[in-house]
Amino acid sequence: VQLVQSGGGSVQPGGSLRLSCVASGFAFSTYDMIWVRQVPGMVFEWVSRISTDGSSTVYNDPVKGRFTCSRDNAKNTVYLQMNSLATEDTAVYYCATPRSRYINGSPMRTIQALGVTWDIWGQGTQVTVSS
């Protein structure tokens, strides 16, 4: 299993970034996906969850109205469009899969969010928002 996150960077408050997460090694289109973030030394915070076909998304309150999650199952990719970025959005962003016996391997981290166990596989992408 591989989840490769990219698209992070440094932006000023009010700026935008689009994160990508390319998946391989499992049946991507059959799983909900989630974006989570972590400030160093802090707990993981879920950001957004997207259904298998992308028709349903949920967002954590701090990002509602600013972030949009989407996916392209033909490309095995999930996206996170982040607008109106604020300093408190600074974190490492990860995508994750739900725990499944059909997704094999050793995840980097495991977290609980929205009543589900999620496995983090990649190294994440750093987002820094500062003036």
N, C-alpha and C. Protein backbone atom coordinates (compact mmCIF):
# COMPACT_ATOMS: atom_id res chain seq x y z
N VAL A 1 0.86 -1.19 0.00
CA VAL A 1 0.00 0.00 0.00
C VAL A 1 0.89 1.24 0.00
N GLN A 2 0.54 2.17 -0.86
CA GLN A 2 1.22 3.46 -0.87
C GLN A 2 0.21 4.58 -0.98
N LEU A 3 0.41 5.60 -0.16
CA LEU A 3 -0.33 6.85 -0.29
C LEU A 3 0.72 7.95 -0.35
N VAL A 4 0.81 8.62 -1.48
CA VAL A 4 1.81 9.65 -1.68
C VAL A 4 1.13 11.01 -1.71
N GLN A 5 1.41 11.80 -0.66
CA GLN A 5 0.81 13.12 -0.56
C GLN A 5 1.76 14.16 -1.15
N SER A 6 1.19 15.16 -1.80
CA SER A 6 1.99 16.25 -2.37
C SER A 6 1.13 17.51 -2.44
N GLY A 7 1.81 18.61 -2.79
CA GLY A 7 1.09 19.86 -2.99
C GLY A 7 1.23 20.86 -1.85
N GLY A 8 1.86 20.45 -0.78
CA GLY A 8 2.06 21.38 0.32
C GLY A 8 3.06 22.47 -0.03
N GLY A 9 3.19 23.42 0.87
CA GLY A 9 4.13 24.50 0.66
C GLY A 9 3.91 25.61 1.67
N SER A 10 4.53 26.74 1.39
CA SER A 10 4.41 27.92 2.26
C SER A 10 3.58 28.97 1.56
N VAL A 11 2.57 29.47 2.24
CA VAL A 11 1.72 30.50 1.67
C VAL A 11 1.41 31.55 2.73
N GLN A 12 0.98 32.70 2.27
CA GLN A 12 0.55 33.75 3.19
C GLN A 12 -0.91 33.53 3.59
N PRO A 13 -1.29 34.08 4.72
CA PRO A 13 -2.72 33.98 5.11
C PRO A 13 -3.61 34.48 3.99
N GLY A 14 -4.69 33.74 3.77
CA GLY A 14 -5.60 34.08 2.69
C GLY A 14 -5.30 33.35 1.40
N GLY A 15 -4.16 32.69 1.35
CA GLY A 15 -3.77 31.98 0.14
C GLY A 15 -4.44 30.64 -0.02
N SER A 16 -4.07 29.95 -1.08
CA SER A 16 -4.68 28.65 -1.41
C SER A 16 -3.61 27.63 -1.76
N LEU A 17 -3.94 26.39 -1.50
CA LEU A 17 -3.12 25.26 -1.92
C LEU A 17 -4.04 24.11 -2.29
N ARG A 18 -3.56 23.25 -3.17
CA ARG A 18 -4.30 22.04 -3.51
C ARG A 18 -3.42 20.83 -3.23
N LEU A 19 -3.84 20.02 -2.30
CA LEU A 19 -3.10 18.82 -1.96
C LEU A 19 -3.62 17.63 -2.78
N SER A 20 -2.71 16.71 -3.08
CA SER A 20 -3.06 15.48 -3.78
C SER A 20 -2.57 14.29 -2.98
N CYS A 21 -3.29 13.21 -3.12
CA CYS A 21 -2.89 11.95 -2.48
C CYS A 21 -3.12 10.85 -3.51
N VAL A 22 -2.03 10.27 -4.00
CA VAL A 22 -2.12 9.21 -5.00
C VAL A 22 -1.98 7.87 -4.29
N ALA A 23 -2.94 7.00 -4.53
CA ALA A 23 -3.00 5.72 -3.84
C ALA A 23 -2.65 4.57 -4.77
N SER A 24 -2.07 3.53 -4.20
CA SER A 24 -1.79 2.32 -4.95
C SER A 24 -1.74 1.14 -3.98
N GLY A 25 -1.95 -0.05 -4.53
CA GLY A 25 -1.83 -1.25 -3.72
C GLY A 25 -3.11 -1.75 -3.08
N PHE A 26 -4.21 -1.08 -3.36
CA PHE A 26 -5.50 -1.54 -2.83
C PHE A 26 -6.60 -1.00 -3.74
N ALA A 27 -7.81 -1.48 -3.52
CA ALA A 27 -8.95 -1.10 -4.36
C ALA A 27 -9.48 0.27 -3.95
N PHE A 28 -8.78 1.29 -4.39
CA PHE A 28 -9.04 2.67 -3.97
C PHE A 28 -10.50 3.07 -4.08
N SER A 29 -11.13 2.75 -5.18
CA SER A 29 -12.48 3.24 -5.44
C SER A 29 -13.53 2.63 -4.53
N THR A 30 -13.17 1.63 -3.77
CA THR A 30 -14.15 0.97 -2.90
C THR A 30 -14.07 1.44 -1.45
N TYR A 31 -13.22 2.42 -1.19
CA TYR A 31 -13.05 2.90 0.18
C TYR A 31 -13.29 4.39 0.33
N ASP A 32 -14.00 4.77 1.39
CA ASP A 32 -13.96 6.17 1.80
C ASP A 32 -12.50 6.53 2.11
N MET A 33 -12.20 7.80 1.99
CA MET A 33 -10.87 8.28 2.34
C MET A 33 -11.02 9.47 3.28
N ILE A 34 -9.95 9.77 3.98
CA ILE A 34 -9.99 10.88 4.92
C ILE A 34 -8.69 11.67 4.83
N TRP A 35 -8.80 12.97 5.03
CA TRP A 35 -7.62 13.81 5.21
C TRP A 35 -7.53 14.15 6.71
N VAL A 36 -6.33 14.06 7.22
CA VAL A 36 -6.09 14.45 8.61
C VAL A 36 -4.87 15.35 8.63
N ARG A 37 -4.66 16.04 9.73
CA ARG A 37 -3.48 16.90 9.85
C ARG A 37 -2.93 16.82 11.26
N GLN A 38 -1.66 17.16 11.37
CA GLN A 38 -1.00 17.12 12.67
C GLN A 38 -0.01 18.27 12.79
N VAL A 39 -0.17 19.03 13.85
CA VAL A 39 0.85 20.00 14.23
C VAL A 39 1.86 19.24 15.08
N PRO A 40 3.16 19.42 14.86
CA PRO A 40 4.16 18.69 15.64
C PRO A 40 3.91 18.76 17.14
N GLY A 41 3.91 17.60 17.77
CA GLY A 41 3.68 17.54 19.20
C GLY A 41 2.22 17.55 19.60
N MET A 42 1.35 17.66 18.63
CA MET A 42 -0.09 17.71 18.91
C MET A 42 -0.77 16.45 18.37
N VAL A 43 -2.02 16.27 18.74
CA VAL A 43 -2.77 15.11 18.27
C VAL A 43 -3.17 15.32 16.81
N PHE A 44 -3.51 14.22 16.16
CA PHE A 44 -4.04 14.31 14.81
C PHE A 44 -5.46 14.88 14.86
N GLU A 45 -5.79 15.65 13.84
CA GLU A 45 -7.11 16.25 13.71
C GLU A 45 -7.67 15.86 12.35
N TRP A 46 -8.87 15.30 12.34
CA TRP A 46 -9.44 14.97 11.05
C TRP A 46 -9.89 16.25 10.35
N VAL A 47 -9.77 16.26 9.05
CA VAL A 47 -10.08 17.45 8.26
C VAL A 47 -11.32 17.22 7.41
N SER A 48 -11.30 16.14 6.63
CA SER A 48 -12.40 15.89 5.71
C SER A 48 -12.46 14.41 5.37
N ARG A 49 -13.67 13.93 5.20
CA ARG A 49 -13.90 12.56 4.77
C ARG A 49 -14.70 12.58 3.49
N ILE A 50 -14.38 11.65 2.57
CA ILE A 50 -15.08 11.60 1.30
C ILE A 50 -15.53 10.18 1.04
N SER A 51 -16.73 10.04 0.48
CA SER A 51 -17.28 8.72 0.19
C SER A 51 -16.60 8.09 -1.02
N THR A 52 -16.93 6.84 -1.27
CA THR A 52 -16.25 6.10 -2.34
C THR A 52 -16.38 6.75 -3.71
N ASP A 53 -17.55 7.29 -3.99
CA ASP A 53 -17.75 7.89 -5.32
C ASP A 53 -17.62 9.41 -5.30
N GLY A 54 -17.30 9.95 -4.15
CA GLY A 54 -17.10 11.39 -4.04
C GLY A 54 -18.38 12.19 -3.88
N SER A 55 -19.51 11.52 -3.81
CA SER A 55 -20.77 12.25 -3.76
C SER A 55 -21.07 12.82 -2.38
N SER A 56 -20.39 12.33 -1.38
CA SER A 56 -20.63 12.78 -0.01
C SER A 56 -19.33 13.16 0.66
N THR A 57 -19.31 14.35 1.24
CA THR A 57 -18.14 14.81 1.98
C THR A 57 -18.59 15.40 3.31
N VAL A 58 -17.73 15.28 4.29
CA VAL A 58 -17.95 15.93 5.58
C VAL A 58 -16.66 16.65 5.96
N TYR A 59 -16.83 17.74 6.68
CA TYR A 59 -15.70 18.57 7.04
C TYR A 59 -15.74 18.88 8.53
N ASN A 60 -14.56 18.93 9.11
CA ASN A 60 -14.47 19.36 10.49
C ASN A 60 -14.74 20.87 10.54
N ASP A 61 -15.30 21.30 11.65
CA ASP A 61 -15.74 22.70 11.76
C ASP A 61 -14.66 23.73 11.40
N PRO A 62 -13.40 23.55 11.83
CA PRO A 62 -12.40 24.59 11.55
C PRO A 62 -12.16 24.84 10.06
N VAL A 63 -12.53 23.90 9.19
CA VAL A 63 -12.23 24.07 7.77
C VAL A 63 -13.47 24.21 6.91
N LYS A 64 -14.64 24.11 7.51
CA LYS A 64 -15.89 24.20 6.75
C LYS A 64 -15.97 25.52 6.00
N GLY A 65 -16.38 25.41 4.75
CA GLY A 65 -16.52 26.60 3.93
C GLY A 65 -15.23 27.08 3.29
N ARG A 66 -14.10 26.51 3.69
CA ARG A 66 -12.81 26.91 3.13
C ARG A 66 -12.12 25.79 2.36
N PHE A 67 -12.32 24.56 2.80
CA PHE A 67 -11.66 23.41 2.17
C PHE A 67 -12.69 22.60 1.40
N THR A 68 -12.23 22.00 0.30
CA THR A 68 -13.08 21.12 -0.50
C THR A 68 -12.31 19.85 -0.82
N CYS A 69 -12.92 18.73 -0.49
CA CYS A 69 -12.32 17.43 -0.77
C CYS A 69 -12.99 16.81 -1.99
N SER A 70 -12.20 16.22 -2.86
CA SER A 70 -12.73 15.56 -4.05
C SER A 70 -11.85 14.36 -4.37
N ARG A 71 -12.30 13.56 -5.30
CA ARG A 71 -11.50 12.41 -5.69
C ARG A 71 -11.73 12.09 -7.16
N ASP A 72 -10.72 11.44 -7.75
CA ASP A 72 -10.79 10.95 -9.12
C ASP A 72 -10.41 9.48 -9.07
N ASN A 73 -11.40 8.62 -9.10
CA ASN A 73 -11.12 7.19 -8.97
C ASN A 73 -10.36 6.62 -10.16
N ALA A 74 -10.50 7.26 -11.31
CA ALA A 74 -9.74 6.81 -12.49
C ALA A 74 -8.25 7.04 -12.29
N LYS A 75 -7.91 8.00 -11.46
CA LYS A 75 -6.50 8.32 -11.20
C LYS A 75 -6.05 7.86 -9.81
N ASN A 76 -6.94 7.18 -9.09
CA ASN A 76 -6.61 6.73 -7.74
C ASN A 76 -6.10 7.89 -6.88
N THR A 77 -6.76 9.01 -6.98
CA THR A 77 -6.27 10.22 -6.33
C THR A 77 -7.40 10.92 -5.57
N VAL A 78 -7.07 11.38 -4.38
CA VAL A 78 -7.97 12.23 -3.60
C VAL A 78 -7.30 13.59 -3.43
N TYR A 79 -8.10 14.63 -3.47
CA TYR A 79 -7.59 16.00 -3.43
C TYR A 79 -8.16 16.75 -2.23
N LEU A 80 -7.43 17.78 -1.84
CA LEU A 80 -7.93 18.70 -0.83
C LEU A 80 -7.60 20.12 -1.29
N GLN A 81 -8.62 20.82 -1.73
CA GLN A 81 -8.47 22.22 -2.13
C GLN A 81 -8.64 23.07 -0.88
N MET A 82 -7.63 23.85 -0.57
CA MET A 82 -7.64 24.66 0.64
C MET A 82 -7.59 26.13 0.26
N ASN A 83 -8.63 26.85 0.59
CA ASN A 83 -8.72 28.28 0.31
C ASN A 83 -8.77 29.06 1.63
N SER A 84 -8.53 30.35 1.53
CA SER A 84 -8.58 31.23 2.70
C SER A 84 -7.77 30.65 3.86
N LEU A 85 -6.57 30.23 3.54
CA LEU A 85 -5.74 29.59 4.56
C LEU A 85 -5.39 30.56 5.68
N ALA A 86 -5.33 30.01 6.89
CA ALA A 86 -5.01 30.79 8.08
C ALA A 86 -3.81 30.16 8.78
N THR A 87 -3.18 30.91 9.64
CA THR A 87 -1.98 30.41 10.33
C THR A 87 -2.27 29.12 11.09
N GLU A 88 -3.49 28.99 11.59
CA GLU A 88 -3.83 27.78 12.36
C GLU A 88 -4.00 26.55 11.47
N ASP A 89 -3.93 26.71 10.16
CA ASP A 89 -3.96 25.57 9.25
C ASP A 89 -2.57 24.97 9.06
N THR A 90 -1.56 25.60 9.60
CA THR A 90 -0.20 25.07 9.49
C THR A 90 -0.11 23.71 10.16
N ALA A 91 0.32 22.71 9.39
CA ALA A 91 0.38 21.34 9.88
C ALA A 91 0.95 20.46 8.78
N VAL A 92 1.20 19.20 9.13
CA VAL A 92 1.48 18.18 8.12
C VAL A 92 0.16 17.50 7.80
N TYR A 93 -0.15 17.41 6.54
CA TYR A 93 -1.41 16.85 6.09
C TYR A 93 -1.19 15.45 5.53
N TYR A 94 -2.07 14.54 5.93
CA TYR A 94 -2.01 13.16 5.48
C TYR A 94 -3.36 12.71 4.95
N CYS A 95 -3.33 11.78 4.02
CA CYS A 95 -4.55 11.06 3.69
C CYS A 95 -4.44 9.68 4.33
N ALA A 96 -5.58 9.06 4.52
CA ALA A 96 -5.59 7.78 5.22
C ALA A 96 -6.71 6.90 4.71
N THR A 97 -6.53 5.60 4.92
CA THR A 97 -7.54 4.62 4.54
C THR A 97 -8.23 4.09 5.79
N PRO A 98 -9.46 3.63 5.65
CA PRO A 98 -10.09 2.96 6.79
C PRO A 98 -9.42 1.61 7.02
N ARG A 99 -9.35 1.20 8.27
CA ARG A 99 -8.78 -0.11 8.57
C ARG A 99 -9.61 -1.19 7.88
N SER A 100 -8.89 -2.05 7.15
CA SER A 100 -9.56 -3.13 6.41
C SER A 100 -8.63 -4.33 6.31
N ARG A 101 -9.20 -5.52 6.43
CA ARG A 101 -8.37 -6.72 6.29
C ARG A 101 -7.93 -6.91 4.84
N TYR A 102 -8.51 -6.16 3.93
CA TYR A 102 -8.12 -6.26 2.53
C TYR A 102 -7.06 -5.24 2.14
N ILE A 103 -6.66 -4.39 3.08
CA ILE A 103 -5.57 -3.45 2.85
C ILE A 103 -4.42 -3.91 3.73
N ASN A 104 -3.42 -4.47 3.09
CA ASN A 104 -2.34 -5.13 3.83
C ASN A 104 -1.09 -4.28 3.90
N GLY A 105 -0.40 -4.42 5.01
CA GLY A 105 0.85 -3.69 5.18
C GLY A 105 0.98 -3.16 6.60
N SER A 106 1.99 -2.34 6.80
CA SER A 106 2.26 -1.75 8.12
C SER A 106 2.09 -0.25 8.04
N PRO A 107 0.95 0.25 8.50
CA PRO A 107 0.75 1.70 8.44
C PRO A 107 1.72 2.45 9.34
N MET A 108 1.98 3.69 8.99
CA MET A 108 2.86 4.52 9.79
C MET A 108 2.20 4.88 11.12
N ARG A 109 0.94 5.21 11.06
CA ARG A 109 0.18 5.57 12.25
C ARG A 109 -1.25 5.08 12.09
N THR A 110 -1.92 4.94 13.21
CA THR A 110 -3.34 4.60 13.22
C THR A 110 -4.06 5.60 14.10
N ILE A 111 -5.16 6.13 13.62
CA ILE A 111 -5.91 7.10 14.40
C ILE A 111 -7.38 6.73 14.41
N GLN A 112 -8.11 7.34 15.31
CA GLN A 112 -9.56 7.18 15.40
C GLN A 112 -10.22 8.50 15.03
N ALA A 113 -11.19 8.42 14.14
CA ALA A 113 -11.92 9.64 13.77
C ALA A 113 -13.27 9.22 13.22
N LEU A 114 -14.30 9.97 13.59
CA LEU A 114 -15.65 9.73 13.07
C LEU A 114 -16.09 8.29 13.32
N GLY A 115 -15.66 7.73 14.43
CA GLY A 115 -16.06 6.37 14.78
C GLY A 115 -15.39 5.27 13.99
N VAL A 116 -14.32 5.61 13.27
CA VAL A 116 -13.64 4.65 12.40
C VAL A 116 -12.15 4.66 12.73
N THR A 117 -11.51 3.50 12.57
CA THR A 117 -10.06 3.41 12.66
C THR A 117 -9.47 3.65 11.28
N TRP A 118 -8.54 4.59 11.20
CA TRP A 118 -7.91 4.96 9.93
C TRP A 118 -6.43 4.69 10.01
N ASP A 119 -5.88 4.24 8.88
CA ASP A 119 -4.45 3.96 8.79
C ASP A 119 -3.76 5.00 7.90
N ILE A 120 -2.69 5.57 8.41
CA ILE A 120 -1.89 6.55 7.69
C ILE A 120 -0.67 5.83 7.12
N TRP A 121 -0.46 5.96 5.83
CA TRP A 121 0.60 5.21 5.17
C TRP A 121 1.76 6.07 4.70
N GLY A 122 1.49 7.33 4.38
CA GLY A 122 2.54 8.14 3.77
C GLY A 122 3.23 9.06 4.76
N GLN A 123 4.11 9.90 4.22
CA GLN A 123 4.88 10.84 5.03
C GLN A 123 4.20 12.18 5.20
N GLY A 124 3.12 12.37 4.46
CA GLY A 124 2.41 13.63 4.58
C GLY A 124 3.05 14.73 3.75
N THR A 125 2.38 15.86 3.74
CA THR A 125 2.90 17.04 3.05
C THR A 125 2.73 18.24 3.97
N GLN A 126 3.79 19.02 4.09
CA GLN A 126 3.80 20.14 5.03
C GLN A 126 3.11 21.35 4.42
N VAL A 127 2.21 21.92 5.19
CA VAL A 127 1.56 23.18 4.82
C VAL A 127 1.93 24.21 5.88
N THR A 128 2.50 25.32 5.44
CA THR A 128 2.90 26.39 6.35
C THR A 128 2.24 27.69 5.91
N VAL A 129 1.49 28.28 6.81
CA VAL A 129 0.79 29.53 6.52
C VAL A 129 1.35 30.60 7.45
N SER A 130 2.03 31.55 6.86
CA SER A 130 2.60 32.62 7.68
C SER A 130 2.79 33.86 6.83
N SER A 131 2.85 35.00 7.51
CA SER A 131 3.05 36.26 6.81
C SER A 131 4.52 36.66 6.88
